[in-house]
């Protein structure tokens, strides 16, 4: 799989699409931001077995002429089963491009964001971040800073301050 990192809509000729104001038209649903944590789990012979029996497709491993398959066949040591490290990636935050016209039943915050021409949660966070980041030390401080920033910058979103504060808390990695 080779996902595109291009969020912009393309016409049938592959040319980028722009709105009347010259702003790129984005593809709804595409991920525009995410954050993850990586953990290195201790070495164990069970990780070796899991890799070859649960992660790697055995048919591909045996039958493929791909250089990667050949390299893995050479490293496979059925009798030794050396202890291996395991890497775990955990996604902690994700944002997707919103639809230009919210679908029926869309959450109120999503509808309000589209009214303000905000394309995603990430764009909202980046607009508020300079005003709220210093307050990301406690939930109460973040909530107060969020309400203040919304009142000054995006007053139409003030009724959604609690939900926006929650997004910001997740983004900044704050625990409840």
N, C-alpha and C. Protein backbone atom coordinates (compact mmCIF):
# COMPACT_ATOMS: atom_id res chain seq x y z
N UNK A 1 0.84 -1.17 0.00
CA UNK A 1 0.00 0.00 0.00
C UNK A 1 0.89 1.24 0.00
N UNK A 2 0.60 2.17 -0.87
CA UNK A 2 1.37 3.41 -0.94
C UNK A 2 0.41 4.59 -0.89
N UNK A 3 -0.06 4.96 0.30
CA UNK A 3 -1.03 6.05 0.37
C UNK A 3 -0.40 7.37 -0.05
N UNK A 4 -1.23 8.21 -0.63
CA UNK A 4 -0.77 9.52 -1.07
C UNK A 4 -0.76 10.48 0.11
N UNK A 5 0.25 11.33 0.16
CA UNK A 5 0.26 12.35 1.21
C UNK A 5 -0.31 13.66 0.69
N UNK A 6 -0.91 13.61 -0.50
CA UNK A 6 -1.52 14.79 -1.11
C UNK A 6 -2.98 14.85 -0.70
N UNK A 7 -3.37 15.88 0.01
CA UNK A 7 -4.74 16.04 0.47
C UNK A 7 -5.64 16.73 -0.55
N UNK A 8 -5.04 17.25 -1.62
CA UNK A 8 -5.79 18.07 -2.57
C UNK A 8 -6.55 17.22 -3.57
N UNK A 9 -7.77 17.65 -3.85
CA UNK A 9 -8.60 16.99 -4.85
C UNK A 9 -7.98 17.22 -6.23
N UNK A 10 -8.10 16.24 -7.09
CA UNK A 10 -7.61 16.31 -8.47
C UNK A 10 -8.77 16.10 -9.43
N UNK A 11 -8.70 16.75 -10.60
CA UNK A 11 -9.73 16.54 -11.60
C UNK A 11 -9.41 15.27 -12.39
N UNK A 12 -10.22 14.97 -13.39
CA UNK A 12 -10.04 13.72 -14.15
C UNK A 12 -8.71 13.69 -14.90
N UNK A 13 -8.09 14.84 -15.12
CA UNK A 13 -6.79 14.90 -15.79
C UNK A 13 -5.63 14.91 -14.81
N UNK A 14 -5.95 14.81 -13.52
CA UNK A 14 -4.90 14.79 -12.51
C UNK A 14 -4.42 16.17 -12.08
N UNK A 15 -5.10 17.19 -12.53
CA UNK A 15 -4.72 18.56 -12.16
C UNK A 15 -5.35 18.94 -10.82
N UNK A 16 -4.63 19.71 -9.98
CA UNK A 16 -5.19 20.14 -8.70
C UNK A 16 -6.42 21.03 -8.88
N UNK A 17 -7.39 20.86 -7.97
CA UNK A 17 -8.63 21.64 -8.01
C UNK A 17 -8.55 22.74 -6.94
N UNK A 18 -8.97 23.95 -7.32
CA UNK A 18 -8.97 25.10 -6.41
C UNK A 18 -10.38 25.67 -6.35
N UNK A 19 -10.73 26.28 -5.21
CA UNK A 19 -12.03 26.93 -5.10
C UNK A 19 -11.94 28.31 -5.75
N UNK A 20 -13.06 29.05 -5.85
CA UNK A 20 -13.04 30.37 -6.51
C UNK A 20 -12.06 31.36 -5.88
N UNK A 21 -11.74 31.18 -4.61
CA UNK A 21 -10.79 32.09 -3.94
C UNK A 21 -9.34 31.66 -4.14
N UNK A 22 -9.14 30.56 -4.87
CA UNK A 22 -7.78 30.09 -5.12
C UNK A 22 -7.23 29.15 -4.06
N UNK A 23 -8.06 28.77 -3.11
CA UNK A 23 -7.63 27.86 -2.04
C UNK A 23 -7.77 26.42 -2.53
N UNK A 24 -6.79 25.55 -2.25
CA UNK A 24 -6.90 24.15 -2.68
C UNK A 24 -8.15 23.48 -2.10
N UNK A 25 -8.83 22.69 -2.92
CA UNK A 25 -9.98 21.91 -2.46
C UNK A 25 -9.43 20.58 -1.94
N UNK A 26 -9.74 20.28 -0.68
CA UNK A 26 -9.22 19.07 -0.05
C UNK A 26 -10.19 17.91 -0.20
N UNK A 27 -9.67 16.69 -0.11
CA UNK A 27 -10.49 15.48 -0.21
C UNK A 27 -11.02 15.14 1.19
N UNK A 28 -12.35 15.16 1.37
CA UNK A 28 -12.90 14.83 2.69
C UNK A 28 -12.53 13.40 3.10
N UNK A 29 -12.27 13.25 4.39
CA UNK A 29 -11.96 11.93 4.93
C UNK A 29 -10.49 11.59 4.98
N UNK A 30 -9.66 12.32 4.22
CA UNK A 30 -8.22 12.03 4.26
C UNK A 30 -7.63 12.49 5.59
N UNK A 31 -6.66 11.74 6.07
CA UNK A 31 -5.98 12.08 7.31
C UNK A 31 -5.03 13.24 7.04
N UNK A 32 -5.20 14.33 7.81
CA UNK A 32 -4.31 15.48 7.63
C UNK A 32 -3.30 15.60 8.76
N UNK A 33 -3.50 14.87 9.84
CA UNK A 33 -2.53 14.89 10.94
C UNK A 33 -2.76 13.70 11.85
N UNK A 34 -1.69 13.18 12.39
CA UNK A 34 -1.81 12.15 13.41
C UNK A 34 -0.55 12.16 14.25
N UNK A 35 -0.65 11.57 15.41
CA UNK A 35 0.49 11.45 16.31
C UNK A 35 0.49 10.02 16.83
N UNK A 36 1.69 9.50 17.04
CA UNK A 36 1.77 8.15 17.60
C UNK A 36 2.93 8.06 18.57
N UNK A 37 2.86 7.07 19.41
CA UNK A 37 3.94 6.74 20.33
C UNK A 37 4.54 5.42 19.89
N UNK A 38 5.82 5.27 20.05
CA UNK A 38 6.49 4.02 19.71
C UNK A 38 7.09 3.43 20.98
N UNK A 39 6.84 2.15 21.17
CA UNK A 39 7.36 1.44 22.33
C UNK A 39 8.24 0.30 21.83
N UNK A 40 9.38 0.14 22.43
CA UNK A 40 10.23 -1.01 22.15
C UNK A 40 10.00 -2.01 23.27
N UNK A 41 9.44 -3.16 22.90
CA UNK A 41 9.14 -4.18 23.90
C UNK A 41 10.34 -5.12 24.00
N UNK A 42 10.59 -5.62 25.16
CA UNK A 42 11.77 -6.44 25.43
C UNK A 42 11.92 -7.63 24.50
N UNK A 43 13.15 -8.09 24.41
CA UNK A 43 13.42 -9.20 23.49
C UNK A 43 12.92 -10.51 24.07
N UNK A 44 12.44 -11.35 23.15
CA UNK A 44 11.88 -12.64 23.53
C UNK A 44 11.89 -13.55 22.31
N UNK A 45 12.09 -14.83 22.53
CA UNK A 45 12.03 -15.79 21.42
C UNK A 45 10.61 -15.88 20.87
N UNK A 46 9.62 -15.61 21.71
CA UNK A 46 8.23 -15.62 21.24
C UNK A 46 8.01 -14.56 20.16
N UNK A 47 8.73 -13.44 20.23
CA UNK A 47 8.60 -12.41 19.20
C UNK A 47 9.08 -12.92 17.85
N UNK A 48 10.12 -13.76 17.86
CA UNK A 48 10.63 -14.37 16.63
C UNK A 48 9.53 -15.24 16.01
N UNK A 49 8.92 -16.09 16.84
CA UNK A 49 7.84 -16.96 16.34
C UNK A 49 6.66 -16.15 15.83
N UNK A 50 6.27 -15.13 16.60
CA UNK A 50 5.14 -14.29 16.17
C UNK A 50 5.41 -13.64 14.82
N UNK A 51 6.63 -13.16 14.63
CA UNK A 51 6.98 -12.49 13.38
C UNK A 51 6.80 -13.43 12.18
N UNK A 52 7.35 -14.63 12.30
CA UNK A 52 7.29 -15.55 11.16
C UNK A 52 5.97 -16.29 11.03
N UNK A 53 5.18 -16.39 12.10
CA UNK A 53 3.93 -17.14 12.03
C UNK A 53 2.67 -16.28 12.01
N UNK A 54 2.77 -15.02 12.46
CA UNK A 54 1.58 -14.16 12.52
C UNK A 54 1.70 -12.89 11.67
N UNK A 55 2.92 -12.41 11.45
CA UNK A 55 3.10 -11.16 10.72
C UNK A 55 3.38 -11.43 9.25
N UNK A 56 4.32 -12.30 8.97
CA UNK A 56 4.74 -12.58 7.59
C UNK A 56 3.82 -13.63 6.97
N UNK A 57 3.37 -13.36 5.76
CA UNK A 57 2.55 -14.32 5.01
C UNK A 57 3.46 -15.46 4.57
N UNK A 58 3.22 -16.69 5.05
CA UNK A 58 4.11 -17.80 4.72
C UNK A 58 4.14 -18.13 3.22
N UNK A 59 3.03 -17.93 2.54
CA UNK A 59 3.00 -18.20 1.09
C UNK A 59 3.90 -17.21 0.37
N UNK A 60 3.81 -15.93 0.74
CA UNK A 60 4.67 -14.91 0.15
C UNK A 60 6.13 -15.21 0.46
N UNK A 61 6.42 -15.56 1.71
CA UNK A 61 7.80 -15.82 2.13
C UNK A 61 8.42 -16.95 1.32
N UNK A 62 7.68 -18.03 1.12
CA UNK A 62 8.22 -19.18 0.40
C UNK A 62 8.25 -18.98 -1.11
N UNK A 63 7.24 -18.29 -1.66
CA UNK A 63 7.12 -18.25 -3.11
C UNK A 63 7.57 -16.99 -3.81
N UNK A 64 7.84 -15.93 -3.07
CA UNK A 64 8.15 -14.66 -3.70
C UNK A 64 9.63 -14.57 -4.10
N UNK A 65 9.86 -13.93 -5.24
CA UNK A 65 11.23 -13.64 -5.68
C UNK A 65 11.68 -12.25 -5.25
N UNK A 66 10.86 -11.57 -4.47
CA UNK A 66 11.20 -10.22 -4.01
C UNK A 66 12.45 -10.27 -3.14
N UNK A 67 13.31 -9.26 -3.26
CA UNK A 67 14.52 -9.23 -2.43
C UNK A 67 14.23 -9.28 -0.93
N UNK A 68 13.12 -8.66 -0.51
CA UNK A 68 12.76 -8.69 0.91
C UNK A 68 12.46 -10.12 1.37
N UNK A 69 11.73 -10.86 0.55
CA UNK A 69 11.42 -12.25 0.90
C UNK A 69 12.69 -13.09 0.96
N UNK A 70 13.58 -12.88 0.00
CA UNK A 70 14.85 -13.63 0.00
C UNK A 70 15.66 -13.32 1.25
N UNK A 71 15.70 -12.06 1.65
CA UNK A 71 16.45 -11.68 2.85
C UNK A 71 15.84 -12.30 4.10
N UNK A 72 14.51 -12.32 4.17
CA UNK A 72 13.86 -12.92 5.34
C UNK A 72 14.07 -14.43 5.38
N UNK A 73 14.07 -15.07 4.22
CA UNK A 73 14.34 -16.52 4.20
C UNK A 73 15.74 -16.81 4.72
N UNK A 74 16.70 -15.94 4.40
CA UNK A 74 18.08 -16.14 4.87
C UNK A 74 18.20 -15.94 6.38
N UNK A 75 17.40 -15.05 6.95
CA UNK A 75 17.52 -14.78 8.39
C UNK A 75 16.72 -15.74 9.25
N UNK A 76 15.84 -16.50 8.62
CA UNK A 76 15.00 -17.42 9.40
C UNK A 76 15.84 -18.55 9.95
N UNK A 77 15.80 -18.72 11.26
CA UNK A 77 16.57 -19.76 11.93
C UNK A 77 15.59 -20.61 12.74
N UNK A 78 15.03 -21.61 12.11
CA UNK A 78 13.98 -22.39 12.76
C UNK A 78 14.45 -23.06 14.04
N UNK A 79 15.70 -23.49 14.08
CA UNK A 79 16.17 -24.20 15.27
C UNK A 79 16.62 -23.25 16.38
N UNK A 80 17.20 -22.11 16.03
CA UNK A 80 17.77 -21.22 17.04
C UNK A 80 16.72 -20.32 17.70
N UNK A 81 15.80 -19.78 16.92
CA UNK A 81 14.78 -18.85 17.42
C UNK A 81 15.38 -17.80 18.35
N UNK A 82 16.22 -16.94 17.80
CA UNK A 82 16.88 -15.93 18.65
C UNK A 82 15.86 -14.94 19.23
N UNK A 83 16.16 -14.43 20.43
CA UNK A 83 15.26 -13.42 21.00
C UNK A 83 15.27 -12.16 20.13
N UNK A 84 14.10 -11.60 19.92
CA UNK A 84 13.96 -10.42 19.07
C UNK A 84 13.22 -9.32 19.83
N UNK A 85 13.56 -8.09 19.47
CA UNK A 85 12.82 -6.94 19.99
C UNK A 85 11.50 -6.85 19.23
N UNK A 86 10.55 -6.21 19.83
CA UNK A 86 9.27 -5.97 19.18
C UNK A 86 8.98 -4.48 19.27
N UNK A 87 8.47 -3.91 18.20
CA UNK A 87 8.15 -2.49 18.16
C UNK A 87 6.63 -2.35 18.09
N UNK A 88 6.09 -1.53 18.98
CA UNK A 88 4.66 -1.28 19.01
C UNK A 88 4.42 0.20 18.75
N UNK A 89 3.61 0.50 17.74
CA UNK A 89 3.22 1.88 17.45
C UNK A 89 1.76 2.04 17.87
N UNK A 90 1.48 3.06 18.65
CA UNK A 90 0.12 3.32 19.10
C UNK A 90 -0.26 4.73 18.67
N UNK A 91 -1.33 4.84 17.87
CA UNK A 91 -1.82 6.15 17.43
C UNK A 91 -2.54 6.80 18.60
N UNK A 92 -2.14 8.04 18.92
CA UNK A 92 -2.73 8.74 20.06
C UNK A 92 -3.60 9.92 19.64
N UNK A 93 -3.53 10.31 18.38
CA UNK A 93 -4.32 11.45 17.90
C UNK A 93 -4.45 11.30 16.39
N UNK A 94 -5.64 11.59 15.86
CA UNK A 94 -5.84 11.56 14.41
C UNK A 94 -6.85 12.65 14.03
N UNK A 95 -6.63 13.25 12.87
CA UNK A 95 -7.53 14.28 12.35
C UNK A 95 -7.77 13.99 10.87
N UNK A 96 -9.01 14.15 10.46
CA UNK A 96 -9.37 13.95 9.05
C UNK A 96 -9.98 15.23 8.49
N UNK A 97 -9.82 15.40 7.19
CA UNK A 97 -10.42 16.54 6.50
C UNK A 97 -11.95 16.37 6.54
N UNK A 98 -12.64 17.43 6.95
CA UNK A 98 -14.09 17.40 7.02
C UNK A 98 -14.70 17.60 5.63
N UNK A 99 -15.92 17.12 5.46
CA UNK A 99 -16.65 17.34 4.21
C UNK A 99 -16.98 18.82 4.08
N UNK A 100 -16.95 19.38 2.85
CA UNK A 100 -17.25 20.80 2.68
C UNK A 100 -18.66 21.16 3.14
N UNK A 101 -19.59 20.25 2.94
CA UNK A 101 -20.95 20.43 3.43
C UNK A 101 -21.20 19.28 4.39
N UNK A 102 -21.38 19.58 5.68
CA UNK A 102 -21.56 18.49 6.64
C UNK A 102 -22.76 17.61 6.27
N UNK A 103 -22.61 16.31 6.39
CA UNK A 103 -23.72 15.41 6.07
C UNK A 103 -24.84 15.55 7.11
N UNK A 104 -26.04 15.11 6.76
CA UNK A 104 -27.12 15.14 7.75
C UNK A 104 -26.69 14.35 8.99
N UNK A 105 -26.98 14.88 10.13
CA UNK A 105 -26.61 14.21 11.37
C UNK A 105 -25.18 14.47 11.83
N UNK A 106 -24.46 15.35 11.12
CA UNK A 106 -23.09 15.67 11.53
C UNK A 106 -23.14 16.34 12.90
N UNK A 107 -22.12 16.10 13.73
CA UNK A 107 -22.09 16.72 15.05
C UNK A 107 -22.13 18.25 14.94
N UNK A 108 -22.72 18.92 15.93
CA UNK A 108 -22.82 20.39 15.89
C UNK A 108 -21.46 21.09 15.75
N UNK A 109 -20.43 20.58 16.41
CA UNK A 109 -19.12 21.22 16.30
C UNK A 109 -18.61 21.14 14.87
N UNK A 110 -18.80 20.00 14.22
CA UNK A 110 -18.35 19.86 12.83
C UNK A 110 -19.07 20.87 11.93
N UNK A 111 -20.37 21.02 12.12
CA UNK A 111 -21.12 22.00 11.32
C UNK A 111 -20.61 23.41 11.59
N UNK A 112 -20.36 23.73 12.85
CA UNK A 112 -19.87 25.07 13.21
C UNK A 112 -18.48 25.32 12.62
N UNK A 113 -17.63 24.30 12.64
CA UNK A 113 -16.28 24.46 12.08
C UNK A 113 -16.36 24.74 10.58
N UNK A 114 -17.23 24.03 9.87
CA UNK A 114 -17.36 24.25 8.43
C UNK A 114 -17.90 25.65 8.15
N UNK A 115 -18.80 26.14 9.00
CA UNK A 115 -19.31 27.51 8.84
C UNK A 115 -18.17 28.52 8.94
N UNK A 116 -17.18 28.21 9.77
CA UNK A 116 -16.01 29.08 9.96
C UNK A 116 -14.88 28.76 8.96
N UNK A 117 -15.16 27.90 7.98
CA UNK A 117 -14.17 27.50 6.97
C UNK A 117 -12.93 26.84 7.59
N UNK A 118 -13.16 26.05 8.61
CA UNK A 118 -12.09 25.26 9.22
C UNK A 118 -12.23 23.85 8.68
N UNK A 119 -11.16 23.36 8.04
CA UNK A 119 -11.22 22.11 7.29
C UNK A 119 -11.07 20.84 8.13
N UNK A 120 -10.51 20.94 9.34
CA UNK A 120 -10.28 19.73 10.14
C UNK A 120 -10.02 20.11 11.60
N UNK A 121 -10.06 19.09 12.47
CA UNK A 121 -9.73 19.33 13.88
C UNK A 121 -8.31 19.86 14.01
N UNK A 122 -7.41 19.33 13.19
CA UNK A 122 -6.01 19.76 13.26
C UNK A 122 -5.88 21.24 12.91
N UNK A 123 -6.60 21.69 11.90
CA UNK A 123 -6.55 23.11 11.54
C UNK A 123 -7.08 23.97 12.68
N UNK A 124 -8.14 23.52 13.33
CA UNK A 124 -8.67 24.24 14.49
C UNK A 124 -7.63 24.30 15.61
N UNK A 125 -6.99 23.18 15.88
CA UNK A 125 -5.97 23.13 16.93
C UNK A 125 -4.82 24.06 16.60
N UNK A 126 -4.36 24.06 15.36
CA UNK A 126 -3.24 24.93 14.98
C UNK A 126 -3.61 26.41 15.09
N UNK A 127 -4.86 26.73 14.85
CA UNK A 127 -5.28 28.13 14.99
C UNK A 127 -5.32 28.56 16.45
N UNK A 128 -5.65 27.63 17.34
CA UNK A 128 -5.76 27.96 18.76
C UNK A 128 -4.46 27.73 19.54
N UNK A 129 -3.59 26.91 19.01
CA UNK A 129 -2.39 26.50 19.75
C UNK A 129 -1.57 27.66 20.31
N UNK A 130 -1.29 28.72 19.56
CA UNK A 130 -0.47 29.79 20.14
C UNK A 130 -1.09 30.41 21.40
N UNK A 131 -2.40 30.35 21.51
CA UNK A 131 -3.09 30.97 22.65
C UNK A 131 -3.26 30.02 23.83
N UNK A 132 -3.25 28.71 23.56
CA UNK A 132 -3.59 27.76 24.63
C UNK A 132 -2.42 26.87 25.07
N UNK A 133 -1.39 26.74 24.24
CA UNK A 133 -0.30 25.82 24.60
C UNK A 133 0.29 26.09 25.98
N UNK A 134 0.55 27.35 26.35
CA UNK A 134 1.11 27.60 27.69
C UNK A 134 0.21 27.10 28.82
N UNK A 135 -1.08 26.95 28.55
CA UNK A 135 -2.02 26.52 29.59
C UNK A 135 -2.23 25.01 29.60
N UNK A 136 -1.51 24.29 28.77
CA UNK A 136 -1.69 22.83 28.68
C UNK A 136 -0.98 22.12 29.82
N UNK A 137 -1.13 22.66 31.02
CA UNK A 137 -0.51 22.07 32.21
C UNK A 137 -1.55 21.41 33.10
N UNK A 138 -2.79 21.84 32.98
CA UNK A 138 -3.89 21.23 33.74
C UNK A 138 -5.17 21.40 32.94
N UNK A 139 -6.14 20.54 33.22
CA UNK A 139 -7.41 20.61 32.51
C UNK A 139 -8.11 21.95 32.74
N UNK A 140 -8.07 22.44 33.97
CA UNK A 140 -8.74 23.70 34.28
C UNK A 140 -8.08 24.87 33.55
N UNK A 141 -6.76 24.90 33.54
CA UNK A 141 -6.05 25.99 32.84
C UNK A 141 -6.31 25.93 31.35
N UNK A 142 -6.30 24.72 30.79
CA UNK A 142 -6.55 24.57 29.35
C UNK A 142 -7.98 25.00 29.01
N UNK A 143 -8.95 24.63 29.84
CA UNK A 143 -10.34 25.02 29.58
C UNK A 143 -10.50 26.54 29.61
N UNK A 144 -9.88 27.19 30.57
CA UNK A 144 -9.98 28.66 30.67
C UNK A 144 -9.31 29.33 29.47
N UNK A 145 -8.13 28.84 29.10
CA UNK A 145 -7.42 29.42 27.95
C UNK A 145 -8.18 29.18 26.66
N UNK A 146 -8.81 28.02 26.53
CA UNK A 146 -9.59 27.71 25.32
C UNK A 146 -10.78 28.65 25.21
N UNK A 147 -11.50 28.83 26.30
CA UNK A 147 -12.65 29.76 26.27
C UNK A 147 -12.20 31.17 25.92
N UNK A 148 -11.09 31.60 26.48
CA UNK A 148 -10.57 32.94 26.20
C UNK A 148 -10.16 33.08 24.73
N UNK A 149 -9.46 32.08 24.21
CA UNK A 149 -9.02 32.12 22.81
C UNK A 149 -10.20 32.08 21.86
N UNK A 150 -11.19 31.25 22.16
CA UNK A 150 -12.38 31.19 21.31
C UNK A 150 -13.13 32.52 21.33
N UNK A 151 -13.27 33.12 22.50
CA UNK A 151 -13.98 34.40 22.61
C UNK A 151 -13.30 35.47 21.76
N UNK A 152 -11.98 35.44 21.72
CA UNK A 152 -11.23 36.46 20.97
C UNK A 152 -11.08 36.13 19.50
N UNK A 153 -10.91 34.85 19.16
CA UNK A 153 -10.56 34.47 17.79
C UNK A 153 -11.71 33.85 17.00
N UNK A 154 -12.49 33.01 17.65
CA UNK A 154 -13.55 32.27 16.96
C UNK A 154 -14.80 32.24 17.84
N UNK A 155 -15.42 33.38 18.07
CA UNK A 155 -16.55 33.43 19.02
C UNK A 155 -17.72 32.52 18.65
N UNK A 156 -17.88 32.21 17.37
CA UNK A 156 -18.97 31.34 16.94
C UNK A 156 -18.79 29.92 17.46
N UNK A 157 -17.56 29.57 17.84
CA UNK A 157 -17.29 28.22 18.34
C UNK A 157 -17.33 28.15 19.86
N UNK A 158 -17.55 29.25 20.53
CA UNK A 158 -17.56 29.29 21.99
C UNK A 158 -18.55 28.30 22.62
N UNK A 159 -19.74 28.07 22.02
CA UNK A 159 -20.64 27.08 22.62
C UNK A 159 -20.05 25.65 22.64
N UNK A 160 -19.00 25.44 21.88
CA UNK A 160 -18.38 24.10 21.80
C UNK A 160 -17.06 24.04 22.56
N UNK A 161 -16.86 24.97 23.47
CA UNK A 161 -15.57 25.08 24.18
C UNK A 161 -15.18 23.79 24.89
N UNK A 162 -16.13 23.11 25.51
CA UNK A 162 -15.79 21.88 26.25
C UNK A 162 -15.25 20.81 25.31
N UNK A 163 -15.91 20.62 24.17
CA UNK A 163 -15.46 19.61 23.21
C UNK A 163 -14.12 20.00 22.60
N UNK A 164 -13.94 21.26 22.30
CA UNK A 164 -12.67 21.73 21.74
C UNK A 164 -11.55 21.57 22.76
N UNK A 165 -11.84 21.85 24.02
CA UNK A 165 -10.85 21.65 25.08
C UNK A 165 -10.45 20.18 25.15
N UNK A 166 -11.42 19.30 24.98
CA UNK A 166 -11.12 17.86 24.98
C UNK A 166 -10.18 17.50 23.82
N UNK A 167 -10.47 18.02 22.60
CA UNK A 167 -9.57 17.79 21.46
C UNK A 167 -8.16 18.27 21.78
N UNK A 168 -8.09 19.49 22.32
CA UNK A 168 -6.78 20.06 22.64
C UNK A 168 -6.05 19.22 23.68
N UNK A 169 -6.78 18.75 24.67
CA UNK A 169 -6.17 17.90 25.69
C UNK A 169 -5.59 16.63 25.10
N UNK A 170 -6.33 16.00 24.18
CA UNK A 170 -5.81 14.80 23.50
C UNK A 170 -4.58 15.15 22.68
N UNK A 171 -4.67 16.26 21.97
CA UNK A 171 -3.55 16.66 21.11
C UNK A 171 -2.29 16.92 21.92
N UNK A 172 -2.43 17.58 23.05
CA UNK A 172 -1.26 17.89 23.89
C UNK A 172 -0.85 16.72 24.77
N UNK A 173 -1.57 15.61 24.68
CA UNK A 173 -1.19 14.42 25.45
C UNK A 173 -1.52 14.51 26.92
N UNK A 174 -2.53 15.28 27.25
CA UNK A 174 -2.92 15.42 28.66
C UNK A 174 -3.84 14.26 29.04
N UNK A 175 -3.64 13.71 30.21
CA UNK A 175 -4.51 12.65 30.72
C UNK A 175 -5.64 13.30 31.50
N UNK A 176 -6.77 12.61 31.57
CA UNK A 176 -7.91 13.14 32.35
C UNK A 176 -7.58 13.13 33.83
